[in-house]
Protein backbone atom coordinates (compact mmCIF):
# COMPACT_ATOMS: atom_id res chain seq x y z
CA MET A 1 -25.26 18.04 28.03
CA ALA A 2 -23.32 16.03 25.44
CA ASP A 3 -19.62 15.48 25.98
CA ALA A 4 -17.38 17.72 23.90
CA ALA A 5 -15.61 16.10 20.96
CA PRO A 6 -12.06 15.04 21.85
CA THR A 7 -9.23 17.26 20.70
CA PRO A 8 -8.08 16.06 17.27
CA LEU A 9 -4.79 14.19 17.05
CA ARG A 10 -2.17 16.39 15.37
CA VAL A 11 -0.49 14.92 12.30
CA GLY A 12 2.78 15.84 10.63
CA LEU A 13 3.13 14.73 6.99
CA LEU A 14 6.61 14.21 5.55
CA GLY A 15 6.55 14.57 1.77
CA TYR A 16 4.06 16.18 -0.60
CA GLY A 17 4.60 14.26 -3.82
CA LEU A 18 2.14 11.71 -5.18
CA ALA A 19 1.78 9.75 -1.95
CA GLY A 20 1.52 12.75 0.36
CA ARG A 21 -0.65 14.99 -1.81
CA VAL A 22 -3.01 12.47 -3.43
CA PHE A 23 -3.37 9.82 -0.72
CA HIS A 24 -2.31 10.78 2.78
CA ALA A 25 -3.26 14.43 3.11
CA PRO A 26 -6.82 13.97 1.76
CA LEU A 27 -7.45 10.86 3.84
CA ILE A 28 -6.08 12.47 7.00
CA THR A 29 -8.26 15.56 6.58
CA ALA A 30 -11.31 13.38 5.89
CA THR A 31 -10.85 11.41 9.14
CA ALA A 32 -12.71 12.47 12.23
CA GLY A 33 -10.31 12.86 15.14
CA LEU A 34 -7.27 13.76 13.02
CA ARG A 35 -5.95 17.18 12.03
CA LEU A 36 -3.24 17.82 9.47
CA ASP A 37 -1.00 20.13 11.46
CA ALA A 38 2.25 20.24 9.45
CA VAL A 39 3.56 19.37 5.99
CA VAL A 40 7.28 18.93 5.33
CA THR A 41 8.62 19.47 1.81
CA GLY A 42 11.70 21.25 0.55
CA ASN A 43 10.26 21.73 -2.95
CA PRO A 44 9.04 25.34 -3.40
CA GLN A 45 6.28 24.37 -5.83
CA ARG A 46 5.02 21.66 -3.50
CA GLN A 47 5.20 24.07 -0.56
CA GLU A 48 2.94 26.46 -2.47
CA GLN A 49 0.59 23.62 -3.37
CA ALA A 50 0.42 22.43 0.24
CA ARG A 51 -0.41 25.92 1.48
CA HIS A 52 -3.15 26.18 -1.12
CA ASP A 53 -4.60 22.75 -0.34
CA HIS A 54 -4.29 22.96 3.46
CA PRO A 55 -4.19 26.60 4.57
CA ASP A 56 -4.53 25.69 8.25
CA ALA A 57 -1.40 23.50 8.23
CA ARG A 58 2.09 24.89 8.73
CA VAL A 59 4.46 24.11 5.88
CA VAL A 60 8.14 23.62 6.74
CA ASP A 61 11.13 22.67 4.64
CA HIS A 62 12.91 20.20 6.92
CA ALA A 63 11.84 17.33 9.16
CA ASP A 64 14.21 18.46 11.93
CA LEU A 65 11.74 21.25 12.66
CA LEU A 66 9.19 18.60 13.62
CA TRP A 67 11.54 16.63 15.85
CA GLU A 68 12.49 19.87 17.65
CA SER A 69 8.82 20.42 18.52
CA ALA A 70 7.69 16.81 18.83
CA ASP A 71 5.39 17.65 21.73
CA THR A 72 3.15 19.60 19.30
CA LEU A 73 2.35 16.43 17.30
CA ASP A 74 0.75 13.04 17.96
CA LEU A 75 1.48 11.23 14.70
CA VAL A 76 3.96 11.44 11.83
CA VAL A 77 3.26 10.09 8.34
CA VAL A 78 6.31 9.24 6.22
CA ALA A 79 5.38 9.73 2.53
CA THR A 80 8.89 10.43 1.28
CA PRO A 81 10.89 8.60 -1.42
CA ASN A 82 11.60 5.02 -0.36
CA ARG A 83 15.23 5.63 0.61
CA LEU A 84 14.04 7.93 3.41
CA HIS A 85 11.36 5.68 4.87
CA VAL A 86 13.56 4.07 7.49
CA PRO A 87 15.64 7.10 8.57
CA MET A 88 12.57 9.35 8.82
CA ALA A 89 10.52 6.72 10.65
CA ARG A 90 13.42 6.03 13.02
CA ALA A 91 13.72 9.75 13.78
CA ALA A 92 10.00 9.88 14.58
CA VAL A 93 10.26 6.80 16.80
CA THR A 94 13.23 8.35 18.62
CA ALA A 95 11.12 11.47 19.17
CA GLY A 96 8.39 9.30 20.67
CA LEU A 97 5.91 9.95 17.86
CA ALA A 98 3.59 7.31 16.45
CA VAL A 99 4.37 6.62 12.79
CA VAL A 100 2.62 5.68 9.57
CA VAL A 101 5.09 4.68 6.84
CA ASP A 102 4.07 4.46 3.21
CA LYS A 103 4.77 1.15 1.50
CA PRO A 104 7.27 -0.43 1.10
CA LEU A 105 8.34 -0.14 4.71
CA ALA A 106 12.02 -0.40 3.81
CA GLY A 107 14.43 -1.20 1.02
CA THR A 108 15.61 -4.34 2.83
CA ALA A 109 13.92 -6.68 5.26
CA ALA A 110 16.81 -6.28 7.71
CA GLU A 111 16.28 -2.51 7.85
CA GLY A 112 12.55 -2.93 8.23
CA ARG A 113 12.92 -5.51 10.98
CA ALA A 114 15.35 -3.32 12.90
CA LEU A 115 12.93 -0.38 12.66
CA VAL A 116 10.01 -2.45 13.94
CA ASP A 117 12.12 -3.81 16.80
CA GLU A 118 13.18 -0.28 17.74
CA ALA A 119 9.57 0.92 17.79
CA ASP A 120 8.60 -2.07 19.96
CA ARG A 121 11.48 -1.42 22.33
CA ARG A 122 10.47 2.20 22.77
CA GLY A 123 6.74 1.44 22.92
CA VAL A 124 5.97 3.66 19.93
CA PRO A 125 3.07 2.67 17.64
CA LEU A 126 4.12 1.96 14.04
CA THR A 127 2.06 0.92 11.02
CA VAL A 128 2.39 0.78 7.24
CA PHE A 129 0.07 2.23 4.59
CA GLN A 130 -0.97 -0.90 2.70
CA ASN A 131 -4.03 0.86 1.32
CA ARG A 132 -4.80 -1.81 -1.28
CA ARG A 133 -6.18 -4.01 1.50
CA TRP A 134 -9.21 -1.71 1.18
CA ASP A 135 -9.64 -1.99 -2.60
CA GLY A 136 -13.20 -2.94 -3.47
CA ASP A 137 -12.28 -5.97 -5.59
CA PHE A 138 -9.96 -7.32 -2.90
CA LEU A 139 -12.65 -6.90 -0.23
CA THR A 140 -15.12 -8.68 -2.52
CA ALA A 141 -12.75 -11.57 -3.24
CA ARG A 142 -11.98 -11.99 0.45
CA ARG A 143 -15.69 -12.05 1.27
CA LEU A 144 -16.52 -14.60 -1.43
CA ILE A 145 -13.67 -16.85 -0.25
CA ALA A 146 -14.84 -16.61 3.36
CA GLU A 147 -18.42 -17.39 2.35
CA GLY A 148 -17.28 -20.53 0.52
CA GLU A 149 -18.60 -19.37 -2.86
CA LEU A 150 -15.50 -20.63 -4.66
CA GLY A 151 -15.07 -23.87 -2.77
CA ARG A 152 -11.45 -24.78 -2.09
CA VAL A 153 -9.28 -22.09 -3.65
CA THR A 154 -6.35 -23.37 -5.69
CA ARG A 155 -4.95 -20.27 -7.40
CA LEU A 156 -4.95 -16.49 -7.22
CA GLU A 157 -4.03 -14.48 -10.30
CA SER A 158 -3.49 -10.81 -9.55
CA ARG A 159 -2.23 -8.00 -11.77
CA PHE A 160 -1.21 -4.37 -11.57
CA GLU A 161 -0.46 -3.67 -15.23
CA ARG A 162 0.02 -0.38 -17.08
CA TRP A 163 1.01 0.85 -20.51
CA ARG A 164 3.79 3.37 -19.87
CA PRO A 165 6.42 2.68 -22.53
CA ALA A 166 8.16 6.05 -21.99
CA ILE A 167 10.41 6.35 -18.94
CA LYS A 168 9.53 9.22 -16.61
CA GLU A 169 12.18 11.01 -14.62
CA GLY A 170 12.14 10.35 -10.91
CA TRP A 171 13.55 8.21 -8.12
CA ARG A 172 11.22 5.28 -8.92
CA GLU A 173 13.18 4.78 -12.16
CA SER A 174 16.57 5.04 -10.46
CA ALA A 175 18.86 2.08 -9.83
CA ALA A 176 20.73 3.97 -7.11
CA PRO A 177 21.29 1.87 -3.98
CA GLY A 178 18.58 2.33 -1.40
CA GLU A 179 15.95 3.81 -3.74
CA ALA A 180 14.00 0.51 -3.88
CA GLY A 181 12.73 1.53 -7.29
CA GLY A 182 11.15 -0.60 -9.98
CA ALA A 183 7.87 -2.42 -10.47
CA LEU A 184 8.52 -5.17 -7.94
CA TYR A 185 8.96 -2.77 -5.02
CA ASP A 186 6.32 -0.31 -6.24
CA LEU A 187 3.45 -2.50 -7.43
CA GLY A 188 4.65 -5.79 -6.01
CA ALA A 189 4.45 -4.44 -2.46
CA HIS A 190 0.67 -4.32 -2.93
CA LEU A 191 0.24 -7.62 -4.76
CA VAL A 192 2.41 -9.64 -2.38
CA ASP A 193 0.69 -8.15 0.67
CA GLN A 194 -2.77 -8.93 -0.73
CA ALA A 195 -1.80 -12.53 -1.54
CA VAL A 196 -0.44 -13.16 1.94
CA GLN A 197 -3.50 -11.57 3.52
CA LEU A 198 -5.75 -13.91 1.57
CA PHE A 199 -3.81 -17.17 1.81
CA GLY A 200 -1.27 -16.89 4.59
CA PRO A 201 2.43 -17.73 4.88
CA VAL A 202 4.52 -18.58 1.83
CA ARG A 203 6.61 -21.73 1.39
CA SER A 204 8.51 -20.86 -1.80
CA VAL A 205 9.06 -18.06 -4.34
CA TYR A 206 9.78 -18.09 -8.07
CA ALA A 207 10.12 -14.90 -10.14
CA GLU A 208 10.94 -13.49 -13.55
CA VAL A 209 12.07 -9.87 -13.42
CA ASP A 210 12.94 -7.87 -16.55
CA ARG A 211 13.78 -4.46 -17.94
CA ARG A 212 11.80 -4.14 -21.15
CA ARG A 213 12.04 -0.43 -22.03
CA PRO A 214 15.19 0.87 -23.71
CA ASP A 215 17.55 2.46 -21.16
CA ALA A 216 15.47 1.28 -18.19
CA GLN A 217 17.57 1.17 -15.01
CA VAL A 218 15.05 -0.79 -12.93
CA ASP A 219 12.64 -3.64 -13.50
CA ASP A 220 9.49 -2.65 -15.35
CA ASP A 221 7.99 -6.10 -16.00
CA ALA A 222 7.81 -8.88 -13.43
CA PHE A 223 6.04 -12.12 -12.60
CA VAL A 224 6.10 -13.68 -9.13
CA ALA A 225 4.76 -17.10 -8.16
CA LEU A 226 4.17 -17.71 -4.46
CA THR A 227 3.37 -21.17 -3.14
CA HIS A 228 1.57 -20.75 0.17
CA VAL A 229 1.98 -23.16 3.05
CA GLY A 230 -1.70 -24.07 2.68
CA GLY A 231 -1.18 -25.11 -0.95
CA VAL A 232 -2.68 -22.16 -2.81
CA ARG A 233 -0.51 -20.70 -5.57
CA SER A 234 -0.51 -16.93 -6.12
CA HIS A 235 0.56 -15.77 -9.59
CA LEU A 236 1.32 -12.06 -9.57
CA TRP A 237 2.06 -9.78 -12.51
CA MET A 238 3.30 -6.17 -12.35
CA SER A 239 4.26 -4.25 -15.44
CA ALA A 240 4.63 -0.86 -17.09
CA VAL A 241 4.69 -2.33 -20.61
CA THR A 242 1.37 -4.15 -20.95
CA ALA A 243 -0.43 -2.97 -24.10
CA GLN A 244 -3.54 -5.04 -23.32
CA LEU A 245 -4.44 -5.51 -19.68
CA GLY A 246 -5.39 -8.85 -18.18
CA PRO A 247 -7.93 -9.43 -15.40
CA ARG A 248 -7.20 -7.44 -12.28
CA LEU A 249 -8.13 -10.46 -10.14
CA ARG A 250 -8.96 -14.06 -10.98
CA VAL A 251 -9.49 -16.43 -8.05
CA LEU A 252 -9.93 -20.08 -8.99
CA GLY A 253 -11.62 -22.64 -6.75
CA ASP A 254 -12.85 -26.20 -7.14
CA ARG A 255 -16.47 -24.97 -7.20
CA ALA A 256 -16.32 -21.64 -9.03
CA ALA A 257 -14.10 -18.71 -9.93
CA TYR A 258 -14.29 -14.96 -9.45
CA THR A 259 -12.86 -12.59 -12.08
CA SER A 260 -12.74 -8.80 -12.06
CA TYR A 261 -11.26 -6.21 -14.40
CA GLY A 262 -9.97 -2.70 -13.87
CA LEU A 263 -8.33 -0.90 -10.98
CA ASP A 264 -10.13 0.29 -7.87
CA VAL A 265 -11.70 3.72 -8.40
CA GLN A 266 -10.50 5.41 -5.21
CA GLU A 267 -7.11 6.62 -6.48
CA GLU A 268 -8.70 8.20 -9.55
CA ALA A 269 -11.30 9.86 -7.33
CA LEU A 270 -8.65 11.24 -4.97
CA ARG A 271 -6.67 12.62 -7.91
CA ALA A 272 -9.83 14.36 -9.12
CA GLY A 273 -10.41 15.99 -5.73
CA ALA A 274 -13.17 13.73 -4.40
CA ARG A 275 -13.09 12.68 -0.77
CA PRO A 276 -14.43 9.82 1.35
CA GLY A 277 -18.00 10.52 2.37
CA ALA A 278 -18.94 11.88 -1.04
CA PRO A 279 -21.94 10.17 -2.67
CA GLY A 280 -20.84 6.98 -4.38
CA TRP A 281 -17.38 6.97 -2.83
CA GLY A 282 -15.50 3.77 -3.66
CA GLU A 283 -18.40 2.29 -5.64
CA ILE A 284 -17.90 0.39 -8.89
CA PRO A 285 -20.61 0.81 -11.56
CA PRO A 286 -22.65 -2.32 -12.37
CA GLU A 287 -21.08 -2.70 -15.81
CA ARG A 288 -17.74 -3.29 -14.07
CA TYR A 289 -18.90 -5.84 -11.53
CA GLY A 290 -16.83 -9.01 -11.37
CA ARG A 291 -18.23 -12.36 -12.47
CA LEU A 292 -18.72 -15.38 -10.24
CA GLY A 293 -19.37 -18.95 -11.34
CA VAL A 294 -18.37 -21.36 -14.06
CA ASP A 295 -18.21 -20.56 -17.78
CA GLY A 296 -21.74 -20.85 -19.15
CA ASP A 297 -23.19 -20.04 -15.74
CA LEU A 298 -21.75 -16.69 -14.65
CA ARG A 299 -23.42 -13.96 -12.63
CA PRO A 300 -22.30 -10.43 -11.81
CA VAL A 301 -21.40 -9.81 -8.18
CA PRO A 302 -21.69 -6.25 -6.85
CA THR A 303 -18.24 -5.05 -5.84
CA ASP A 304 -17.92 -4.06 -2.19
CA PRO A 305 -17.24 -0.30 -1.97
CA GLY A 306 -13.57 0.51 -1.49
CA ARG A 307 -12.71 1.99 1.90
CA TYR A 308 -9.27 3.63 2.03
CA GLN A 309 -10.64 5.89 4.77
CA ASP A 310 -10.80 2.90 7.12
CA PHE A 311 -7.01 2.89 7.40
CA TYR A 312 -6.82 6.28 9.12
CA THR A 313 -10.02 5.69 11.09
CA GLN A 314 -8.28 2.67 12.60
CA VAL A 315 -5.08 4.64 13.19
CA ALA A 316 -7.07 7.24 15.15
CA ALA A 317 -8.80 4.51 17.17
CA ALA A 318 -5.47 2.85 17.93
CA LEU A 319 -3.89 6.04 19.23
CA ARG A 320 -6.91 7.21 21.18
CA ASP A 321 -8.45 3.98 22.42
CA GLY A 322 -5.67 1.40 22.23
CA ALA A 323 -7.25 -0.55 19.37
CA PRO A 324 -4.90 -2.47 17.05
CA MET A 325 -3.16 -0.54 14.29
CA PRO A 326 -4.66 -1.31 10.85
CA VAL A 327 -1.51 -3.02 9.51
CA ASP A 328 0.96 -4.99 11.59
CA PRO A 329 4.38 -3.66 10.51
CA ARG A 330 5.79 -7.19 10.67
CA ASP A 331 3.48 -8.01 7.76
CA ALA A 332 5.30 -5.29 5.82
CA VAL A 333 8.66 -6.82 6.76
CA THR A 334 7.42 -10.14 5.37
CA THR A 335 6.43 -8.40 2.13
CA VAL A 336 9.95 -7.00 1.72
CA GLU A 337 11.45 -10.43 2.51
CA LEU A 338 9.39 -11.94 -0.31
CA ILE A 339 10.34 -9.15 -2.72
CA GLU A 340 14.02 -9.75 -1.92
CA LEU A 341 13.56 -13.47 -2.54
CA ALA A 342 11.80 -12.70 -5.83
CA HIS A 343 14.77 -10.62 -7.00
CA ARG A 344 17.13 -13.45 -6.00
CA SER A 345 14.99 -16.07 -7.69
CA ALA A 346 14.97 -14.11 -10.94
CA ALA A 347 18.73 -13.53 -10.82
CA GLU A 348 19.49 -17.20 -10.13
CA GLY A 349 16.68 -18.74 -12.18
CA VAL A 350 15.53 -21.00 -9.36
CA VAL A 351 12.68 -21.56 -6.95
CA LEU A 352 13.72 -20.39 -3.48
CA PRO A 353 12.36 -21.66 -0.16
CA VAL A 354 11.14 -19.22 2.47
CA SER A 355 12.86 -19.53 5.83
CA SER A 356 10.46 -20.36 8.63
């Protein structure tokens, strides 16, 4: 007789805006071994939406209701506005609950570091949702680099660019202290993390950070140059005011280059209601494959399928079997440190060294 399936790990989700509704809730429910048990949102419309989307989950209006019954949960996911990431994650850690925090981990590196230290001290697992590590183009670039297809890599060019000239209401456009709004925290948290994952520690940072739209309160157009300890330079662009988009990725080596265009398809699929496991999940059509080689001798390279679902599969394995969490939270602290240095560099107009 086969062993019965283990009881699913019970998950409480804090927040049901874009991050909670489009990313976390669908990925949690698609992961074997996890069950979405509770959703916290004080917004009546979002409460109604959560009940419609997840009728088996309880919907509550305040996180305190989860801490009061912490023994009914195994994991908490913090998908709130950025200013609440640290206080909500700290409350979960104090309650002894494993935590996933959406990116960026914190508004300051000091806050993030203190949170990670507290989780370590209490022995509570903590990880950060850096989902873009599982973008198909990033996985493809990492594979090509590892296989030596590019030779010695000299430069990464990476872009998250949009054309959104009208300012939308919301906390991401607010300059209020603690919100960690703006393009550098929002999009830069992905780009910086990907660059460090590919090429390791950073020696210095230079940045140009601007507000291009009339009445913008936060940066909406930024460029960051990272010089890695190993010598590679990462040039990163993030913008809401790009009328013609550049390559999503261009990786230059002394043997060849790899260039791809267009964003990973998984976010669009999640927004449309598709889920991991559906036919063609995460796959890029052949006409969008990146190109590898030298001008005059280029060939299309099939893009590795994107795999956002791997994040929560690894979370479940970590909590049940003691495997490593998918993202070391100290990596996320490093990302915030580099974002802070980028803001300083832009304000002072200088290249800044990274403390060892």
